[in-house]
């Protein structure tokens, strides 16, 4: 299995053997389809897939830990939940009008 630039692409499949959802990488799934066997999950378990209309079930704890450890690393901003904020300098027109004194009109 190759992991490129810290990115891991997995799909969760329900196993017919133990009834849990396992994470299977795209590479392992395509390799299993070529040879006609069952794909291996990231935890090492063989996953005989059930029909895809089956609702999701409990996830494999070992697969969750693997995906959390090898997934795309989060940035500090994403970790803190903060959005990037760039302070914009006011436009020239706004700076010009804020410096002009406001004079009352002659009719009031």
PDB file of N, CA and C in Angstrom:
ATOM      1  N   UNK A   1       0.840  -1.170   0.000  1.00  0.00           N
ATOM      2  CA  UNK A   1       0.000   0.000   0.000  1.00  0.00           C
ATOM      3  C   UNK A   1       0.886   1.234   0.000  1.00  0.00           C
ATOM      4  N   UNK A   2       0.527   2.174  -0.822  1.00  0.00           N
ATOM      5  CA  UNK A   2       1.283   3.424  -0.868  1.00  0.00           C
ATOM      6  C   UNK A   2       0.418   4.550  -0.352  1.00  0.00           C
ATOM      7  N   UNK A   3       1.004   5.378   0.488  1.00  0.00           N
ATOM      8  CA  UNK A   3       0.315   6.562   0.995  1.00  0.00           C
ATOM      9  C   UNK A   3       1.096   7.747   0.469  1.00  0.00           C
ATOM     10  N   UNK A   4       0.443   8.572  -0.312  1.00  0.00           N
ATOM     11  CA  UNK A   4       1.117   9.689  -0.956  1.00  0.00           C
ATOM     12  C   UNK A   4       0.844  10.976  -0.210  1.00  0.00           C
ATOM     13  N   UNK A   5       1.896  11.636   0.209  1.00  0.00           N
ATOM     14  CA  UNK A   5       1.840  12.963   0.827  1.00  0.00           C
ATOM     15  C   UNK A   5       0.910  13.027   2.025  1.00  0.00           C
ATOM     16  N   UNK A   6       0.877  11.976   2.817  1.00  0.00           N
ATOM     17  CA  UNK A   6       0.081  11.999   4.028  1.00  0.00           C
ATOM     18  C   UNK A   6      -1.414  11.874   3.804  1.00  0.00           C
ATOM     19  N   UNK A   7      -1.827  11.460   2.622  1.00  0.00           N
ATOM     20  CA  UNK A   7      -3.250  11.332   2.335  1.00  0.00           C
ATOM     21  C   UNK A   7      -3.612   9.861   2.276  1.00  0.00           C
ATOM     22  N   UNK A   8      -4.718   9.533   2.890  1.00  0.00           N
ATOM     23  CA  UNK A   8      -5.183   8.157   2.937  1.00  0.00           C
ATOM     24  C   UNK A   8      -6.642   8.138   2.476  1.00  0.00           C
ATOM     25  N   UNK A   9      -6.912   7.389   1.433  1.00  0.00           N
ATOM     26  CA  UNK A   9      -8.266   7.305   0.913  1.00  0.00           C
ATOM     27  C   UNK A   9      -8.828   5.930   1.238  1.00  0.00           C
ATOM     28  N   UNK A  10      -9.852   5.902   2.079  1.00  0.00           N
ATOM     29  CA  UNK A  10     -10.461   4.632   2.484  1.00  0.00           C
ATOM     30  C   UNK A  10     -11.959   4.694   2.265  1.00  0.00           C
ATOM     31  N   UNK A  11     -12.555   3.514   2.170  1.00  0.00           N
ATOM     32  CA  UNK A  11     -14.000   3.350   2.126  1.00  0.00           C
ATOM     33  C   UNK A  11     -14.355   2.341   3.197  1.00  0.00           C
ATOM     34  N   UNK A  12     -15.416   2.624   3.927  1.00  0.00           N
ATOM     35  CA  UNK A  12     -15.833   1.727   5.000  1.00  0.00           C
ATOM     36  C   UNK A  12     -16.797   0.693   4.440  1.00  0.00           C
ATOM     37  N   UNK A  13     -16.452  -0.606   4.635  1.00  0.00           N
ATOM     38  CA  UNK A  13     -17.274  -1.718   4.169  1.00  0.00           C
ATOM     39  C   UNK A  13     -17.680  -2.578   5.357  1.00  0.00           C
ATOM     40  N   UNK A  14     -18.922  -3.048   5.316  1.00  0.00           N
ATOM     41  CA  UNK A  14     -19.398  -3.974   6.347  1.00  0.00           C
ATOM     42  C   UNK A  14     -18.863  -5.354   6.027  1.00  0.00           C
ATOM     43  N   UNK A  15     -18.276  -5.994   7.009  1.00  0.00           N
ATOM     44  CA  UNK A  15     -17.741  -7.335   6.842  1.00  0.00           C
ATOM     45  C   UNK A  15     -18.830  -8.351   7.131  1.00  0.00           C
ATOM     46  N   UNK A  16     -18.933  -9.352   6.275  1.00  0.00           N
ATOM     47  CA  UNK A  16     -19.890 -10.426   6.500  1.00  0.00           C
ATOM     48  C   UNK A  16     -19.409 -11.403   7.551  1.00  0.00           C
ATOM     49  N   UNK A  17     -18.120 -11.364   7.889  1.00  0.00           N
ATOM     50  CA  UNK A  17     -17.571 -12.301   8.862  1.00  0.00           C
ATOM     51  C   UNK A  17     -17.841 -11.874  10.303  1.00  0.00           C
ATOM     52  N   UNK A  18     -17.589 -10.599  10.626  1.00  0.00           N
ATOM     53  CA  UNK A  18     -17.754 -10.163  12.010  1.00  0.00           C
ATOM     54  C   UNK A  18     -18.828  -9.102  12.201  1.00  0.00           C
ATOM     55  N   UNK A  19     -19.450  -8.610  11.138  1.00  0.00           N
ATOM     56  CA  UNK A  19     -20.535  -7.643  11.245  1.00  0.00           C
ATOM     57  C   UNK A  19     -20.089  -6.225  11.567  1.00  0.00           C
ATOM     58  N   UNK A  20     -18.804  -5.941  11.489  1.00  0.00           N
ATOM     59  CA  UNK A  20     -18.288  -4.599  11.759  1.00  0.00           C
ATOM     60  C   UNK A  20     -17.912  -3.923  10.447  1.00  0.00           C
ATOM     61  N   UNK A  21     -17.878  -2.575  10.473  1.00  0.00           N
ATOM     62  CA  UNK A  21     -17.419  -1.811   9.322  1.00  0.00           C
ATOM     63  C   UNK A  21     -15.902  -1.679   9.408  1.00  0.00           C
ATOM     64  N   UNK A  22     -15.237  -1.996   8.302  1.00  0.00           N
ATOM     65  CA  UNK A  22     -13.782  -1.921   8.231  1.00  0.00           C
ATOM     66  C   UNK A  22     -13.370  -0.931   7.154  1.00  0.00           C
ATOM     67  N   UNK A  23     -12.231  -0.265   7.369  1.00  0.00           N
ATOM     68  CA  UNK A  23     -11.691   0.690   6.403  1.00  0.00           C
ATOM     69  C   UNK A  23     -10.815  -0.061   5.408  1.00  0.00           C
ATOM     70  N   UNK A  24     -11.142   0.073   4.132  1.00  0.00           N
ATOM     71  CA  UNK A  24     -10.371  -0.572   3.062  1.00  0.00           C
ATOM     72  C   UNK A  24      -9.839   0.532   2.164  1.00  0.00           C
ATOM     73  N   UNK A  25      -8.536   0.512   1.910  1.00  0.00           N
ATOM     74  CA  UNK A  25      -7.952   1.531   1.038  1.00  0.00           C
ATOM     75  C   UNK A  25      -8.369   1.253  -0.411  1.00  0.00           C
ATOM     76  N   UNK A  26      -8.322   2.304  -1.197  1.00  0.00           N
ATOM     77  CA  UNK A  26      -8.689   2.171  -2.605  1.00  0.00           C
ATOM     78  C   UNK A  26      -7.751   1.221  -3.337  1.00  0.00           C
ATOM     79  N   UNK A  27      -6.463   1.261  -2.993  1.00  0.00           N
ATOM     80  CA  UNK A  27      -5.492   0.391  -3.650  1.00  0.00           C
ATOM     81  C   UNK A  27      -5.781  -1.076  -3.357  1.00  0.00           C
ATOM     82  N   UNK A  28      -6.085  -1.382  -2.105  1.00  0.00           N
ATOM     83  CA  UNK A  28      -6.363  -2.774  -1.740  1.00  0.00           C
ATOM     84  C   UNK A  28      -7.663  -3.263  -2.355  1.00  0.00           C
ATOM     85  N   UNK A  29      -8.642  -2.390  -2.457  1.00  0.00           N
ATOM     86  CA  UNK A  29      -9.908  -2.788  -3.065  1.00  0.00           C
ATOM     87  C   UNK A  29      -9.739  -3.086  -4.546  1.00  0.00           C
ATOM     88  N   UNK A  30      -8.991  -2.235  -5.250  1.00  0.00           N
ATOM     89  CA  UNK A  30      -8.793  -2.488  -6.678  1.00  0.00           C
ATOM     90  C   UNK A  30      -7.943  -3.729  -6.903  1.00  0.00           C
ATOM     91  N   UNK A  31      -6.955  -3.972  -6.031  1.00  0.00           N
ATOM     92  CA  UNK A  31      -6.143  -5.191  -6.164  1.00  0.00           C
ATOM     93  C   UNK A  31      -6.988  -6.432  -5.912  1.00  0.00           C
ATOM     94  N   UNK A  32      -7.897  -6.379  -4.954  1.00  0.00           N
ATOM     95  CA  UNK A  32      -8.758  -7.529  -4.663  1.00  0.00           C
ATOM     96  C   UNK A  32      -9.730  -7.777  -5.812  1.00  0.00           C
ATOM     97  N   UNK A  33     -10.196  -6.728  -6.440  1.00  0.00           N
ATOM     98  CA  UNK A  33     -11.113  -6.905  -7.577  1.00  0.00           C
ATOM     99  C   UNK A  33     -10.402  -7.514  -8.773  1.00  0.00           C
ATOM    100  N   UNK A  34      -9.103  -7.165  -8.952  1.00  0.00           N
ATOM    101  CA  UNK A  34      -8.345  -7.739 -10.081  1.00  0.00           C
ATOM    102  C   UNK A  34      -8.158  -9.238  -9.923  1.00  0.00           C
ATOM    103  N   UNK A  35      -7.832  -9.695  -8.704  1.00  0.00           N
ATOM    104  CA  UNK A  35      -7.568 -11.120  -8.499  1.00  0.00           C
ATOM    105  C   UNK A  35      -8.822 -11.895  -8.120  1.00  0.00           C
ATOM    106  N   UNK A  36      -9.906 -11.188  -7.785  1.00  0.00           N
ATOM    107  CA  UNK A  36     -11.161 -11.862  -7.489  1.00  0.00           C
ATOM    108  C   UNK A  36     -11.309 -12.314  -6.052  1.00  0.00           C
ATOM    109  N   UNK A  37     -10.523 -11.785  -5.126  1.00  0.00           N
ATOM    110  CA  UNK A  37     -10.648 -12.180  -3.724  1.00  0.00           C
ATOM    111  C   UNK A  37     -11.305 -11.103  -2.884  1.00  0.00           C
ATOM    112  N   UNK A  38     -11.275 -11.327  -1.586  1.00  0.00           N
ATOM    113  CA  UNK A  38     -11.820 -10.345  -0.655  1.00  0.00           C
ATOM    114  C   UNK A  38     -10.731  -9.342  -0.283  1.00  0.00           C
ATOM    115  N   UNK A  39     -11.095  -8.062  -0.159  1.00  0.00           N
ATOM    116  CA  UNK A  39     -10.085  -7.058   0.193  1.00  0.00           C
ATOM    117  C   UNK A  39      -9.683  -7.173   1.662  1.00  0.00           C
ATOM    118  N   UNK A  40      -8.468  -6.711   1.938  1.00  0.00           N
ATOM    119  CA  UNK A  40      -7.981  -6.683   3.311  1.00  0.00           C
ATOM    120  C   UNK A  40      -8.138  -5.270   3.857  1.00  0.00           C
ATOM    121  N   UNK A  41      -8.624  -5.170   5.082  1.00  0.00           N
ATOM    122  CA  UNK A  41      -8.800  -3.873   5.719  1.00  0.00           C
ATOM    123  C   UNK A  41      -7.458  -3.372   6.222  1.00  0.00           C
ATOM    124  N   UNK A  42      -7.423  -2.121   6.657  1.00  0.00           N
ATOM    125  CA  UNK A  42      -6.174  -1.554   7.163  1.00  0.00           C
ATOM    126  C   UNK A  42      -5.758  -2.210   8.471  1.00  0.00           C
ATOM    127  N   UNK A  43      -6.701  -2.829   9.180  1.00  0.00           N
ATOM    128  CA  UNK A  43      -6.355  -3.537  10.419  1.00  0.00           C
ATOM    129  C   UNK A  43      -5.859  -4.945  10.140  1.00  0.00           C
ATOM    130  N   UNK A  44      -5.938  -5.396   8.878  1.00  0.00           N
ATOM    131  CA  UNK A  44      -5.446  -6.719   8.508  1.00  0.00           C
ATOM    132  C   UNK A  44      -6.541  -7.751   8.343  1.00  0.00           C
ATOM    133  N   UNK A  45      -7.771  -7.438   8.688  1.00  0.00           N
ATOM    134  CA  UNK A  45      -8.867  -8.402   8.585  1.00  0.00           C
ATOM    135  C   UNK A  45      -9.329  -8.525   7.139  1.00  0.00           C
ATOM    136  N   UNK A  46      -9.660  -9.750   6.735  1.00  0.00           N
ATOM    137  CA  UNK A  46     -10.261  -9.967   5.417  1.00  0.00           C
ATOM    138  C   UNK A  46     -11.719  -9.528   5.498  1.00  0.00           C
ATOM    139  N   UNK A  47     -12.176  -8.798   4.496  1.00  0.00           N
ATOM    140  CA  UNK A  47     -13.524  -8.240   4.522  1.00  0.00           C
ATOM    141  C   UNK A  47     -14.353  -8.843   3.400  1.00  0.00           C
ATOM    142  N   UNK A  48     -15.090  -9.927   3.698  1.00  0.00           N
ATOM    143  CA  UNK A  48     -16.045 -10.388   2.687  1.00  0.00           C
ATOM    144  C   UNK A  48     -17.234  -9.429   2.686  1.00  0.00           C
ATOM    145  N   UNK A  49     -17.368  -8.607   1.635  1.00  0.00           N
ATOM    146  CA  UNK A  49     -18.391  -7.560   1.665  1.00  0.00           C
ATOM    147  C   UNK A  49     -19.805  -8.114   1.617  1.00  0.00           C
ATOM    148  N   UNK A  50     -20.688  -7.393   2.277  1.00  0.00           N
ATOM    149  CA  UNK A  50     -22.118  -7.683   2.234  1.00  0.00           C
ATOM    150  C   UNK A  50     -22.728  -6.702   1.230  1.00  0.00           C
ATOM    151  N   UNK A  51     -23.997  -6.854   0.856  1.00  0.00           N
ATOM    152  CA  UNK A  51     -24.597  -5.892  -0.082  1.00  0.00           C
ATOM    153  C   UNK A  51     -24.471  -4.459   0.432  1.00  0.00           C
ATOM    154  N   UNK A  52     -24.218  -3.533  -0.483  1.00  0.00           N
ATOM    155  CA  UNK A  52     -23.990  -2.147  -0.105  1.00  0.00           C
ATOM    156  C   UNK A  52     -25.243  -1.437   0.384  1.00  0.00           C
ATOM    157  N   UNK A  53     -26.415  -2.060   0.267  1.00  0.00           N
ATOM    158  CA  UNK A  53     -27.633  -1.460   0.797  1.00  0.00           C
ATOM    159  C   UNK A  53     -27.769  -1.710   2.295  1.00  0.00           C
ATOM    160  N   UNK A  54     -26.867  -2.498   2.863  1.00  0.00           N
ATOM    161  CA  UNK A  54     -26.871  -2.756   4.304  1.00  0.00           C
ATOM    162  C   UNK A  54     -26.491  -1.479   5.040  1.00  0.00           C
ATOM    163  N   UNK A  55     -27.239  -1.084   6.069  1.00  0.00           N
ATOM    164  CA  UNK A  55     -26.905   0.160   6.778  1.00  0.00           C
ATOM    165  C   UNK A  55     -25.579   0.030   7.524  1.00  0.00           C
ATOM    166  N   UNK A  56     -24.917   1.162   7.803  1.00  0.00           N
ATOM    167  CA  UNK A  56     -23.656   1.103   8.530  1.00  0.00           C
ATOM    168  C   UNK A  56     -23.850   0.530   9.925  1.00  0.00           C
ATOM    169  N   UNK A  57     -22.822  -0.135  10.372  1.00  0.00           N
ATOM    170  CA  UNK A  57     -22.861  -0.729  11.701  1.00  0.00           C
ATOM    171  C   UNK A  57     -21.734  -0.192  12.557  1.00  0.00           C
ATOM    172  N   UNK A  58     -21.399  -0.891  13.612  1.00  0.00           N
ATOM    173  CA  UNK A  58     -20.292  -0.435  14.468  1.00  0.00           C
ATOM    174  C   UNK A  58     -18.969  -0.547  13.720  1.00  0.00           C
ATOM    175  N   UNK A  59     -18.137   0.448  13.913  1.00  0.00           N
ATOM    176  CA  UNK A  59     -16.844   0.457  13.216  1.00  0.00           C
ATOM    177  C   UNK A  59     -15.799  -0.325  13.995  1.00  0.00           C
ATOM    178  N   UNK A  60     -14.853  -0.857  13.256  1.00  0.00           N
ATOM    179  CA  UNK A  60     -13.722  -1.562  13.858  1.00  0.00           C
ATOM    180  C   UNK A  60     -12.829  -0.532  14.564  1.00  0.00           C
ATOM    181  N   UNK A  61     -12.548  -0.797  15.817  1.00  0.00           N
ATOM    182  CA  UNK A  61     -11.753   0.152  16.606  1.00  0.00           C
ATOM    183  C   UNK A  61     -10.327   0.260  16.064  1.00  0.00           C
ATOM    184  N   UNK A  62      -9.751  -0.842  15.638  1.00  0.00           N
ATOM    185  CA  UNK A  62      -8.375  -0.811  15.107  1.00  0.00           C
ATOM    186  C   UNK A  62      -8.312  -0.026  13.803  1.00  0.00           C
ATOM    187  N   UNK A  63      -9.328  -0.142  12.960  1.00  0.00           N
ATOM    188  CA  UNK A  63      -9.366   0.632  11.711  1.00  0.00           C
ATOM    189  C   UNK A  63      -9.500   2.120  12.009  1.00  0.00           C
ATOM    190  N   UNK A  64     -10.347   2.486  12.976  1.00  0.00           N
ATOM    191  CA  UNK A  64     -10.504   3.892  13.339  1.00  0.00           C
ATOM    192  C   UNK A  64      -9.191   4.484  13.827  1.00  0.00           C
ATOM    193  N   UNK A  65      -8.453   3.746  14.647  1.00  0.00           N
ATOM    194  CA  UNK A  65      -7.166   4.229  15.143  1.00  0.00           C
ATOM    195  C   UNK A  65      -6.162   4.393  14.010  1.00  0.00           C
ATOM    196  N   UNK A  66      -6.157   3.444  13.081  1.00  0.00           N
ATOM    197  CA  UNK A  66      -5.230   3.521  11.951  1.00  0.00           C
ATOM    198  C   UNK A  66      -5.532   4.734  11.075  1.00  0.00           C
ATOM    199  N   UNK A  67      -6.812   4.948  10.766  1.00  0.00           N
ATOM    200  CA  UNK A  67      -7.195   6.077   9.918  1.00  0.00           C
ATOM    201  C   UNK A  67      -6.891   7.399  10.626  1.00  0.00           C
ATOM    202  N   UNK A  68      -7.118   7.457  11.928  1.00  0.00           N
ATOM    203  CA  UNK A  68      -6.819   8.685  12.674  1.00  0.00           C
ATOM    204  C   UNK A  68      -5.321   8.973  12.696  1.00  0.00           C
ATOM    205  N   UNK A  69      -4.503   7.919  12.763  1.00  0.00           N
ATOM    206  CA  UNK A  69      -3.056   8.114  12.824  1.00  0.00           C
ATOM    207  C   UNK A  69      -2.436   8.386  11.461  1.00  0.00           C
ATOM    208  N   UNK A  70      -2.981   7.813  10.398  1.00  0.00           N
ATOM    209  CA  UNK A  70      -2.368   7.927   9.076  1.00  0.00           C
ATOM    210  C   UNK A  70      -3.135   8.832   8.121  1.00  0.00           C
ATOM    211  N   UNK A  71      -4.190   9.453   8.566  1.00  0.00           N
ATOM    212  CA  UNK A  71      -4.981  10.324   7.704  1.00  0.00           C
ATOM    213  C   UNK A  71      -4.249  11.628   7.454  1.00  0.00           C
ATOM    214  N   UNK A  72      -4.920  12.523   6.751  1.00  0.00           N
ATOM    215  CA  UNK A  72      -4.349  13.820   6.444  1.00  0.00           C
ATOM    216  C   UNK A  72      -4.172  14.618   7.731  1.00  0.00           C
ATOM    217  N   UNK A  73      -2.966  15.089   8.006  1.00  0.00           N
ATOM    218  CA  UNK A  73      -2.777  15.861   9.235  1.00  0.00           C
ATOM    219  C   UNK A  73      -3.530  17.185   9.173  1.00  0.00           C
ATOM    220  N   UNK A  74      -4.102  17.556  10.299  1.00  0.00           N
ATOM    221  CA  UNK A  74      -4.857  18.794  10.368  1.00  0.00           C
ATOM    222  C   UNK A  74      -3.919  19.957  10.631  1.00  0.00           C
ATOM    223  N   UNK A  75      -4.259  21.093  10.077  1.00  0.00           N
ATOM    224  CA  UNK A  75      -3.474  22.291  10.317  1.00  0.00           C
ATOM    225  C   UNK A  75      -3.852  22.867  11.675  1.00  0.00           C
ATOM    226  N   UNK A  76      -3.067  23.791  12.151  1.00  0.00           N
ATOM    227  CA  UNK A  76      -3.338  24.410  13.438  1.00  0.00           C
ATOM    228  C   UNK A  76      -4.672  25.150  13.402  1.00  0.00           C
ATOM    229  N   UNK A  77      -4.959  25.833  12.277  1.00  0.00           N
ATOM    230  CA  UNK A  77      -6.211  26.563  12.161  1.00  0.00           C
ATOM    231  C   UNK A  77      -7.401  25.618  12.224  1.00  0.00           C
ATOM    232  N   UNK A  78      -7.302  24.483  11.546  1.00  0.00           N
ATOM    233  CA  UNK A  78      -8.394  23.517  11.577  1.00  0.00           C
ATOM    234  C   UNK A  78      -8.521  22.897  12.965  1.00  0.00           C
ATOM    235  N   UNK A  79      -7.399  22.678  13.632  1.00  0.00           N
ATOM    236  CA  UNK A  79      -7.434  22.104  14.972  1.00  0.00           C
ATOM    237  C   UNK A  79      -8.118  23.052  15.949  1.00  0.00           C
ATOM    238  N   UNK A  80      -7.830  24.309  15.848  1.00  0.00           N
ATOM    239  CA  UNK A  80      -8.417  25.295  16.755  1.00  0.00           C
ATOM    240  C   UNK A  80      -9.813  25.714  16.328  1.00  0.00           C
ATOM    241  N   UNK A  81     -10.219  25.342  15.129  1.00  0.00           N
ATOM    242  CA  UNK A  81     -11.538  25.709  14.635  1.00  0.00           C
ATOM    243  C   UNK A  81     -11.609  27.150  14.182  1.00  0.00           C
ATOM    244  N   UNK A  82     -10.474  27.755  13.976  1.00  0.00           N
ATOM    245  CA  UNK A  82     -10.450  29.156  13.574  1.00  0.00           C
ATOM    246  C   UNK A  82     -10.361  29.254  12.059  1.00  0.00           C
ATOM    247  N   UNK A  83     -11.021  30.263  11.536  1.00  0.00           N
ATOM    248  CA  UNK A  83     -10.899  30.526  10.108  1.00  0.00           C
ATOM    249  C   UNK A  83      -9.738  31.476   9.881  1.00  0.00           C
ATOM    250  N   UNK A  84      -9.165  31.398   8.717  1.00  0.00           N
ATOM    251  CA  UNK A  84      -8.100  32.339   8.377  1.00  0.00           C
ATOM    252  C   UNK A  84      -8.705  33.722   8.258  1.00  0.00           C
ATOM    253  N   UNK A  85      -8.030  34.688   8.824  1.00  0.00           N
ATOM    254  CA  UNK A  85      -8.515  36.055   8.753  1.00  0.00           C
ATOM    255  C   UNK A  85      -7.365  36.944   8.329  1.00  0.00           C
ATOM    256  N   UNK A  86      -7.593  37.672   7.287  1.00  0.00           N
ATOM    257  CA  UNK A  86      -6.585  38.596   6.792  1.00  0.00           C
ATOM    258  C   UNK A  86      -7.111  40.002   6.967  1.00  0.00           C
ATOM    259  N   UNK A  87      -6.380  40.820   7.660  1.00  0.00           N
ATOM    260  CA  UNK A  87      -6.806  42.191   7.891  1.00  0.00           C
ATOM    261  C   UNK A  87      -6.593  42.988   6.617  1.00  0.00           C
ATOM    262  N   UNK A  88      -7.691  43.558   6.126  1.00  0.00           N
ATOM    263  CA  UNK A  88      -7.603  44.379   4.916  1.00  0.00           C
ATOM    264  C   UNK A  88      -7.427  45.832   5.291  1.00  0.00           C
ATOM    265  N   UNK A  89      -6.584  46.473   4.568  1.00  0.00           N
ATOM    266  CA  UNK A  89      -6.395  47.905   4.734  1.00  0.00           C
ATOM    267  C   UNK A  89      -7.558  48.610   4.045  1.00  0.00           C
ATOM    268  N   UNK A  90      -8.109  49.656   4.636  1.00  0.00           N
ATOM    269  CA  UNK A  90      -9.209  50.364   3.977  1.00  0.00           C
ATOM    270  C   UNK A  90      -8.783  50.914   2.617  1.00  0.00           C
ATOM    271  N   UNK A  91      -9.739  51.014   1.722  1.00  0.00           N
ATOM    272  CA  UNK A  91      -9.435  51.508   0.380  1.00  0.00           C
ATOM    273  C   UNK A  91      -9.036  52.982   0.435  1.00  0.00           C
ATOM    274  N   UNK A  92      -8.445  53.450  -0.643  1.00  0.00           N
ATOM    275  CA  UNK A  92      -8.013  54.855  -0.693  1.00  0.00           C
ATOM    276  C   UNK A  92      -9.190  55.801  -0.574  1.00  0.00           C
ATOM    277  N   UNK A  93     -10.299  55.465  -1.203  1.00  0.00           N
ATOM    278  CA  UNK A  93     -11.476  56.311  -1.148  1.00  0.00           C
ATOM    279  C   UNK A  93     -12.017  56.420   0.281  1.00  0.00           C
ATOM    280  N   UNK A  94     -12.067  55.305   0.989  1.00  0.00           N
ATOM    281  CA  UNK A  94     -12.542  55.333   2.370  1.00  0.00           C
ATOM    282  C   UNK A  94     -11.598  56.138   3.256  1.00  0.00           C
ATOM    283  N   UNK A  95     -10.301  55.961   3.050  1.00  0.00           N
ATOM    284  CA  UNK A  95      -9.345  56.735   3.848  1.00  0.00           C
ATOM    285  C   UNK A  95      -9.477  58.226   3.569  1.00  0.00           C
ATOM    286  N   UNK A  96      -9.754  58.600   2.320  1.00  0.00           N
ATOM    287  CA  UNK A  96      -9.919  60.002   1.960  1.00  0.00           C
ATOM    288  C   UNK A  96     -11.157  60.601   2.634  1.00  0.00           C
ATOM    289  N   UNK A  97     -12.292  59.860   2.572  1.00  0.00           N
ATOM    290  CA  UNK A  97     -13.520  60.390   3.148  1.00  0.00           C
ATOM    291  C   UNK A  97     -13.504  60.411   4.673  1.00  0.00           C
ATOM    292  N   UNK A  98     -12.770  59.577   5.313  1.00  0.00           N
ATOM    293  CA  UNK A  98     -12.724  59.613   6.775  1.00  0.00           C
ATOM    294  C   UNK A  98     -11.885  60.782   7.268  1.00  0.00           C
ATOM    295  N   UNK A  99     -11.003  61.321   6.442  1.00  0.00           N
ATOM    296  CA  UNK A  99     -10.192  62.463   6.845  1.00  0.00           C
ATOM    297  C   UNK A  99     -10.879  63.791   6.600  1.00  0.00           C
ATOM    298  N   UNK A 100     -11.859  63.828   5.711  1.00  0.00           N
ATOM    299  CA  UNK A 100     -12.551  65.082   5.409  1.00  0.00           C
ATOM    300  C   UNK A 100     -13.475  65.454   6.567  1.00  0.00           C
ATOM    301  N   UNK A 101     -13.465  66.716   6.977  1.00  0.00           N
ATOM    302  CA  UNK A 101     -14.397  67.130   8.038  1.00  0.00           C
ATOM    303  C   UNK A 101     -15.827  67.203   7.502  1.00  0.00           C
ATOM    304  N   UNK A 102     -16.774  66.865   8.327  1.00  0.00           N
ATOM    305  CA  UNK A 102     -18.175  66.926   7.940  1.00  0.00           C
ATOM    306  C   UNK A 102     -18.699  68.292   8.367  1.00  0.00           C
ATOM    307  N   UNK A 103     -19.179  69.052   7.394  1.00  0.00           N
ATOM    308  CA  UNK A 103     -19.704  70.390   7.675  1.00  0.00           C
ATOM    309  C   UNK A 103     -21.212  70.368   7.548  1.00  0.00           C
ATOM    310  N   UNK A 104     -21.928  71.084   8.397  1.00  0.00           N
ATOM    311  CA  UNK A 104     -23.377  71.140   8.240  1.00  0.00           C
ATOM    312  C   UNK A 104     -23.750  71.892   6.982  1.00  0.00           C
ATOM    313  N   UNK A 105     -24.854  71.522   6.386  1.00  0.00           N
ATOM    314  CA  UNK A 105     -25.311  72.187   5.171  1.00  0.00           C
ATOM    315  C   UNK A 105     -25.902  73.551   5.515  1.00  0.00           C
ATOM    316  N   UNK A 106     -25.994  74.444   4.544  1.00  0.00           N
ATOM    317  CA  UNK A 106     -26.448  75.821   4.773  1.00  0.00           C
ATOM    318  C   UNK A 106     -27.931  75.904   5.113  1.00  0.00           C
ATOM    319  N   UNK A 107     -28.765  74.957   4.677  1.00  0.00           N
ATOM    320  CA  UNK A 107     -30.200  75.026   4.884  1.00  0.00           C
ATOM    321  C   UNK A 107     -30.650  74.532   6.241  1.00  0.00           C
ATOM    322  N   UNK A 108     -29.840  73.929   7.041  1.00  0.00           N
ATOM    323  CA  UNK A 108     -30.312  73.375   8.313  1.00  0.00           C
ATOM    324  C   UNK A 108     -29.937  74.163   9.515  1.00  0.00           C
TER     325      UNK A 108
END
